[in-house]
C-alpha atoms as a PDB file:
ATOM      1  CA  UNK A   1      -0.042   0.040  -0.068  1.00  0.00           C
ATOM      2  CA  UNK A   2       1.353   3.311  -0.992  1.00  0.00           C
ATOM      3  CA  UNK A   3       0.609   6.378   1.008  1.00  0.00           C
ATOM      4  CA  UNK A   4      -0.598   9.528  -0.710  1.00  0.00           C
ATOM      5  CA  UNK A   5       1.574  12.472  -0.160  1.00  0.00           C
ATOM      6  CA  UNK A   6       0.394  14.917   2.491  1.00  0.00           C
ATOM      7  CA  UNK A   7      -1.621  17.798   1.178  1.00  0.00           C
ATOM      8  CA  UNK A   8       0.311  20.949   0.902  1.00  0.00           C
ATOM      9  CA  UNK A   9       0.138  23.178   4.063  1.00  0.00           C
ATOM     10  CA  UNK A  10      -0.965  26.738   3.918  1.00  0.00           C
ATOM     11  CA  UNK A  11       1.977  29.071   4.568  1.00  0.00           C
ATOM     12  CA  UNK A  12      -0.375  31.280   6.590  1.00  0.00           C
ATOM     13  CA  UNK A  13      -3.625  30.808   8.293  1.00  0.00           C
ATOM     14  CA  UNK A  14      -6.321  32.705   6.193  1.00  0.00           C
ATOM     15  CA  UNK A  15      -7.726  34.289   9.336  1.00  0.00           C
ATOM     16  CA  UNK A  16      -4.263  35.426  10.634  1.00  0.00           C
ATOM     17  CA  UNK A  17      -3.675  36.839   7.018  1.00  0.00           C
ATOM     18  CA  UNK A  18      -7.049  38.671   7.171  1.00  0.00           C
ATOM     19  CA  UNK A  19      -6.197  40.125  10.610  1.00  0.00           C
ATOM     20  CA  UNK A  20      -2.846  41.153   9.272  1.00  0.00           C
ATOM     21  CA  UNK A  21      -4.471  42.890   6.239  1.00  0.00           C
ATOM     22  CA  UNK A  22      -6.981  44.609   8.463  1.00  0.00           C
ATOM     23  CA  UNK A  23      -4.152  45.890  10.767  1.00  0.00           C
ATOM     24  CA  UNK A  24      -2.195  47.289   7.796  1.00  0.00           C
ATOM     25  CA  UNK A  25      -5.139  49.069   6.221  1.00  0.00           C
ATOM     26  CA  UNK A  26      -5.543  52.904   6.728  1.00  0.00           C
ATOM     27  CA  UNK A  27      -7.443  53.573  10.030  1.00  0.00           C
ATOM     28  CA  UNK A  28      -9.951  56.249  10.756  1.00  0.00           C
ATOM     29  CA  UNK A  29     -11.274  56.705  14.363  1.00  0.00           C
ATOM     30  CA  UNK A  30     -13.812  58.799  16.253  1.00  0.00           C
ATOM     31  CA  UNK A  31     -15.097  58.719  19.822  1.00  0.00           C
ATOM     32  CA  UNK A  32     -18.525  59.835  20.906  1.00  0.00           C
ATOM     33  CA  UNK A  33     -19.809  59.481  24.545  1.00  0.00           C
ATOM     34  CA  UNK A  34     -17.190  56.706  25.196  1.00  0.00           C
ATOM     35  CA  UNK A  35     -18.138  54.792  22.003  1.00  0.00           C
ATOM     36  CA  UNK A  36     -15.103  54.371  19.801  1.00  0.00           C
ATOM     37  CA  UNK A  37     -15.685  53.623  16.096  1.00  0.00           C
ATOM     38  CA  UNK A  38     -12.671  52.708  13.973  1.00  0.00           C
ATOM     39  CA  UNK A  39     -12.814  52.056  10.299  1.00  0.00           C
ATOM     40  CA  UNK A  40     -10.344  50.430   7.899  1.00  0.00           C
ATOM     41  CA  UNK A  41     -10.835  50.371   4.042  1.00  0.00           C
ATOM     42  CA  UNK A  42      -9.779  48.011   1.296  1.00  0.00           C
ATOM     43  CA  UNK A  43      -9.692  48.448  -2.385  1.00  0.00           C
ATOM     44  CA  UNK A  44     -11.359  45.491  -4.176  1.00  0.00           C
ATOM     45  CA  UNK A  45      -9.650  44.976  -7.417  1.00  0.00           C
ATOM     46  CA  UNK A  46     -11.533  41.648  -8.091  1.00  0.00           C
ATOM     47  CA  UNK A  47     -14.870  43.244  -7.747  1.00  0.00           C
ATOM     48  CA  UNK A  48     -14.079  46.546  -9.611  1.00  0.00           C
ATOM     49  CA  UNK A  49     -14.394  47.176 -13.432  1.00  0.00           C
ATOM     50  CA  UNK A  50     -12.797  50.558 -14.013  1.00  0.00           C
ATOM     51  CA  UNK A  51     -13.584  50.442 -17.740  1.00  0.00           C
ATOM     52  CA  UNK A  52     -17.313  50.208 -16.744  1.00  0.00           C
ATOM     53  CA  UNK A  53     -16.830  53.026 -14.081  1.00  0.00           C
ATOM     54  CA  UNK A  54     -17.433  50.456 -11.333  1.00  0.00           C
ATOM     55  CA  UNK A  55     -14.996  50.880  -8.350  1.00  0.00           C
ATOM     56  CA  UNK A  56     -15.533  48.651  -5.193  1.00  0.00           C
ATOM     57  CA  UNK A  57     -14.171  48.887  -1.630  1.00  0.00           C
ATOM     58  CA  UNK A  58     -14.750  46.939   1.530  1.00  0.00           C
ATOM     59  CA  UNK A  59     -14.671  48.606   4.939  1.00  0.00           C
ATOM     60  CA  UNK A  60     -14.221  46.973   8.252  1.00  0.00           C
ATOM     61  CA  UNK A  61     -15.810  48.655  11.328  1.00  0.00           C
ATOM     62  CA  UNK A  62     -15.060  48.179  14.943  1.00  0.00           C
ATOM     63  CA  UNK A  63     -17.435  49.614  17.505  1.00  0.00           C
ATOM     64  CA  UNK A  64     -16.238  49.487  21.147  1.00  0.00           C
ATOM     65  CA  UNK A  65     -18.525  50.513  24.052  1.00  0.00           C
ATOM     66  CA  UNK A  66     -15.988  52.213  26.193  1.00  0.00           C
ATOM     67  CA  UNK A  67     -18.640  53.363  28.651  1.00  0.00           C
ATOM     68  CA  UNK A  68     -20.222  51.682  31.734  1.00  0.00           C
ATOM     69  CA  UNK A  69     -23.807  51.223  30.405  1.00  0.00           C
ATOM     70  CA  UNK A  70     -25.185  48.633  27.960  1.00  0.00           C
ATOM     71  CA  UNK A  71     -25.989  50.254  24.578  1.00  0.00           C
ATOM     72  CA  UNK A  72     -27.697  49.149  21.385  1.00  0.00           C
ATOM     73  CA  UNK A  73     -27.208  50.202  17.768  1.00  0.00           C
ATOM     74  CA  UNK A  74     -30.557  50.842  16.296  1.00  0.00           C
ATOM     75  CA  UNK A  75     -30.138  52.539  12.943  1.00  0.00           C
ATOM     76  CA  UNK A  76     -27.400  53.789  10.685  1.00  0.00           C
ATOM     77  CA  UNK A  77     -26.997  56.764   8.470  1.00  0.00           C
ATOM     78  CA  UNK A  78     -24.292  57.144   5.675  1.00  0.00           C
ATOM     79  CA  UNK A  79     -23.273  60.053   3.551  1.00  0.00           C
ATOM     80  CA  UNK A  80     -21.383  58.596   0.574  1.00  0.00           C
ATOM     81  CA  UNK A  81     -19.618  61.109  -1.768  1.00  0.00           C
ATOM     82  CA  UNK A  82     -17.977  60.089  -5.013  1.00  0.00           C
ATOM     83  CA  UNK A  83     -15.003  61.737  -6.791  1.00  0.00           C
ATOM     84  CA  UNK A  84     -17.236  64.118  -8.627  1.00  0.00           C
ATOM     85  CA  UNK A  85     -18.871  65.471  -5.444  1.00  0.00           C
ATOM     86  CA  UNK A  86     -22.310  63.579  -5.796  1.00  0.00           C
ATOM     87  CA  UNK A  87     -23.521  62.640  -2.465  1.00  0.00           C
ATOM     88  CA  UNK A  88     -25.935  59.847  -1.684  1.00  0.00           C
ATOM     89  CA  UNK A  89     -27.665  59.485   1.821  1.00  0.00           C
ATOM     90  CA  UNK A  90     -28.291  55.985   3.057  1.00  0.00           C
ATOM     91  CA  UNK A  91     -30.646  55.163   6.075  1.00  0.00           C
ATOM     92  CA  UNK A  92     -31.315  51.825   7.480  1.00  0.00           C
ATOM     93  CA  UNK A  93     -31.966  49.557  10.491  1.00  0.00           C
ATOM     94  CA  UNK A  94     -28.858  48.189  12.243  1.00  0.00           C
ATOM     95  CA  UNK A  95     -25.813  46.987  10.404  1.00  0.00           C
ATOM     96  CA  UNK A  96     -25.486  43.799   8.365  1.00  0.00           C
ATOM     97  CA  UNK A  97     -28.917  42.737   9.367  1.00  0.00           C
ATOM     98  CA  UNK A  98     -28.155  43.099  13.134  1.00  0.00           C
ATOM     99  CA  UNK A  99     -28.985  45.634  15.844  1.00  0.00           C
ATOM    100  CA  UNK A 100     -26.151  44.721  18.039  1.00  0.00           C
ATOM    101  CA  UNK A 101     -26.251  45.051  21.983  1.00  0.00           C
ATOM    102  CA  UNK A 102     -22.889  45.957  23.566  1.00  0.00           C
ATOM    103  CA  UNK A 103     -22.356  45.701  27.235  1.00  0.00           C
ATOM    104  CA  UNK A 104     -19.686  47.884  28.896  1.00  0.00           C
ATOM    105  CA  UNK A 105     -16.278  47.310  27.211  1.00  0.00           C
ATOM    106  CA  UNK A 106     -17.617  45.051  24.541  1.00  0.00           C
ATOM    107  CA  UNK A 107     -16.603  45.157  20.903  1.00  0.00           C
ATOM    108  CA  UNK A 108     -18.748  44.497  17.786  1.00  0.00           C
ATOM    109  CA  UNK A 109     -17.055  44.201  14.357  1.00  0.00           C
ATOM    110  CA  UNK A 110     -18.383  43.889  10.895  1.00  0.00           C
ATOM    111  CA  UNK A 111     -17.287  44.237   7.245  1.00  0.00           C
ATOM    112  CA  UNK A 112     -19.384  45.677   4.487  1.00  0.00           C
ATOM    113  CA  UNK A 113     -18.797  47.277   1.180  1.00  0.00           C
ATOM    114  CA  UNK A 114     -19.618  50.052  -1.293  1.00  0.00           C
ATOM    115  CA  UNK A 115     -19.206  50.710  -4.921  1.00  0.00           C
ATOM    116  CA  UNK A 116     -18.923  54.088  -6.725  1.00  0.00           C
ATOM    117  CA  UNK A 117     -18.773  55.193 -10.355  1.00  0.00           C
ATOM    118  CA  UNK A 118     -15.599  57.093  -9.615  1.00  0.00           C
ATOM    119  CA  UNK A 119     -12.109  55.935  -8.661  1.00  0.00           C
ATOM    120  CA  UNK A 120     -12.188  57.659  -5.317  1.00  0.00           C
ATOM    121  CA  UNK A 121     -14.591  59.094  -2.792  1.00  0.00           C
ATOM    122  CA  UNK A 122     -15.300  59.170   0.895  1.00  0.00           C
ATOM    123  CA  UNK A 123     -17.908  58.198   3.469  1.00  0.00           C
ATOM    124  CA  UNK A 124     -19.012  59.274   6.851  1.00  0.00           C
ATOM    125  CA  UNK A 125     -22.131  58.676   9.044  1.00  0.00           C
ATOM    126  CA  UNK A 126     -23.878  58.217  12.250  1.00  0.00           C
ATOM    127  CA  UNK A 127     -25.163  55.393  14.368  1.00  0.00           C
ATOM    128  CA  UNK A 128     -28.309  55.967  16.310  1.00  0.00           C
ATOM    129  CA  UNK A 129     -27.993  54.179  19.714  1.00  0.00           C
ATOM    130  CA  UNK A 130     -30.112  53.674  22.719  1.00  0.00           C
ATOM    131  CA  UNK A 131     -29.340  52.876  26.359  1.00  0.00           C
ATOM    132  CA  UNK A 132     -32.023  50.191  26.936  1.00  0.00           C
ATOM    133  CA  UNK A 133     -32.058  50.607  30.642  1.00  0.00           C
ATOM    134  CA  UNK A 134     -33.011  54.279  30.419  1.00  0.00           C
ATOM    135  CA  UNK A 135     -34.425  54.735  26.940  1.00  0.00           C
ATOM    136  CA  UNK A 136     -31.770  57.480  26.414  1.00  0.00           C
ATOM    137  CA  UNK A 137     -31.041  57.932  22.613  1.00  0.00           C
ATOM    138  CA  UNK A 138     -27.895  59.279  21.212  1.00  0.00           C
ATOM    139  CA  UNK A 139     -25.849  59.448  18.018  1.00  0.00           C
ATOM    140  CA  UNK A 140     -22.360  58.120  17.571  1.00  0.00           C
ATOM    141  CA  UNK A 141     -20.113  59.567  14.806  1.00  0.00           C
ATOM    142  CA  UNK A 142     -18.662  57.249  12.138  1.00  0.00           C
ATOM    143  CA  UNK A 143     -15.468  59.086  11.105  1.00  0.00           C
ATOM    144  CA  UNK A 144     -15.134  60.272   7.511  1.00  0.00           C
ATOM    145  CA  UNK A 145     -12.891  57.819   5.687  1.00  0.00           C
ATOM    146  CA  UNK A 146     -11.365  57.953   2.262  1.00  0.00           C
ATOM    147  CA  UNK A 147     -12.022  55.566  -0.599  1.00  0.00           C
ATOM    148  CA  UNK A 148      -9.025  55.514  -2.780  1.00  0.00           C
ATOM    149  CA  UNK A 149      -8.119  53.197  -5.692  1.00  0.00           C
ATOM    150  CA  UNK A 150      -4.948  52.757  -7.851  1.00  0.00           C
ATOM    151  CA  UNK A 151      -7.028  54.302 -10.641  1.00  0.00           C
ATOM    152  CA  UNK A 152      -7.513  57.704  -9.162  1.00  0.00           C
ATOM    153  CA  UNK A 153      -5.952  60.568 -11.102  1.00  0.00           C
ATOM    154  CA  UNK A 154      -5.350  62.629  -8.023  1.00  0.00           C
ATOM    155  CA  UNK A 155      -6.701  62.934  -4.472  1.00  0.00           C
ATOM    156  CA  UNK A 156      -9.714  65.051  -4.080  1.00  0.00           C
ATOM    157  CA  UNK A 157      -9.710  64.896  -0.222  1.00  0.00           C
END
């Protein structure tokens, strides 16, 4: 009986590679009432079609409840501006289909994406939050972040 050769081993763990890529990406951060929101962006070459004016990015968001009370993210508001200055406003419930509840010091992370008709742009926004114990509502700033691709002619921001 001959034994099959062992399958090739991955040089790096995919999750470790992803974590490394996230850590290396540009970082934007804002703190509102003890809630820290940080954003990292990634150009998606494989999902972009520059010849068809379709440019795609992913963004990874980390929300940290640095306060002492439990909070819940109810809705989001985005302002997305392309390289020509055209701005779209997006409103919706929660993020990625969830309305996460974060106890004190807890972190919630997610990744989403956006496509623009231009090679660059930027986004910024707000999360509308509530303190379930008191019903107090407040807004948390999502910092403005740049969407840059290798196809841009020059930075507009």
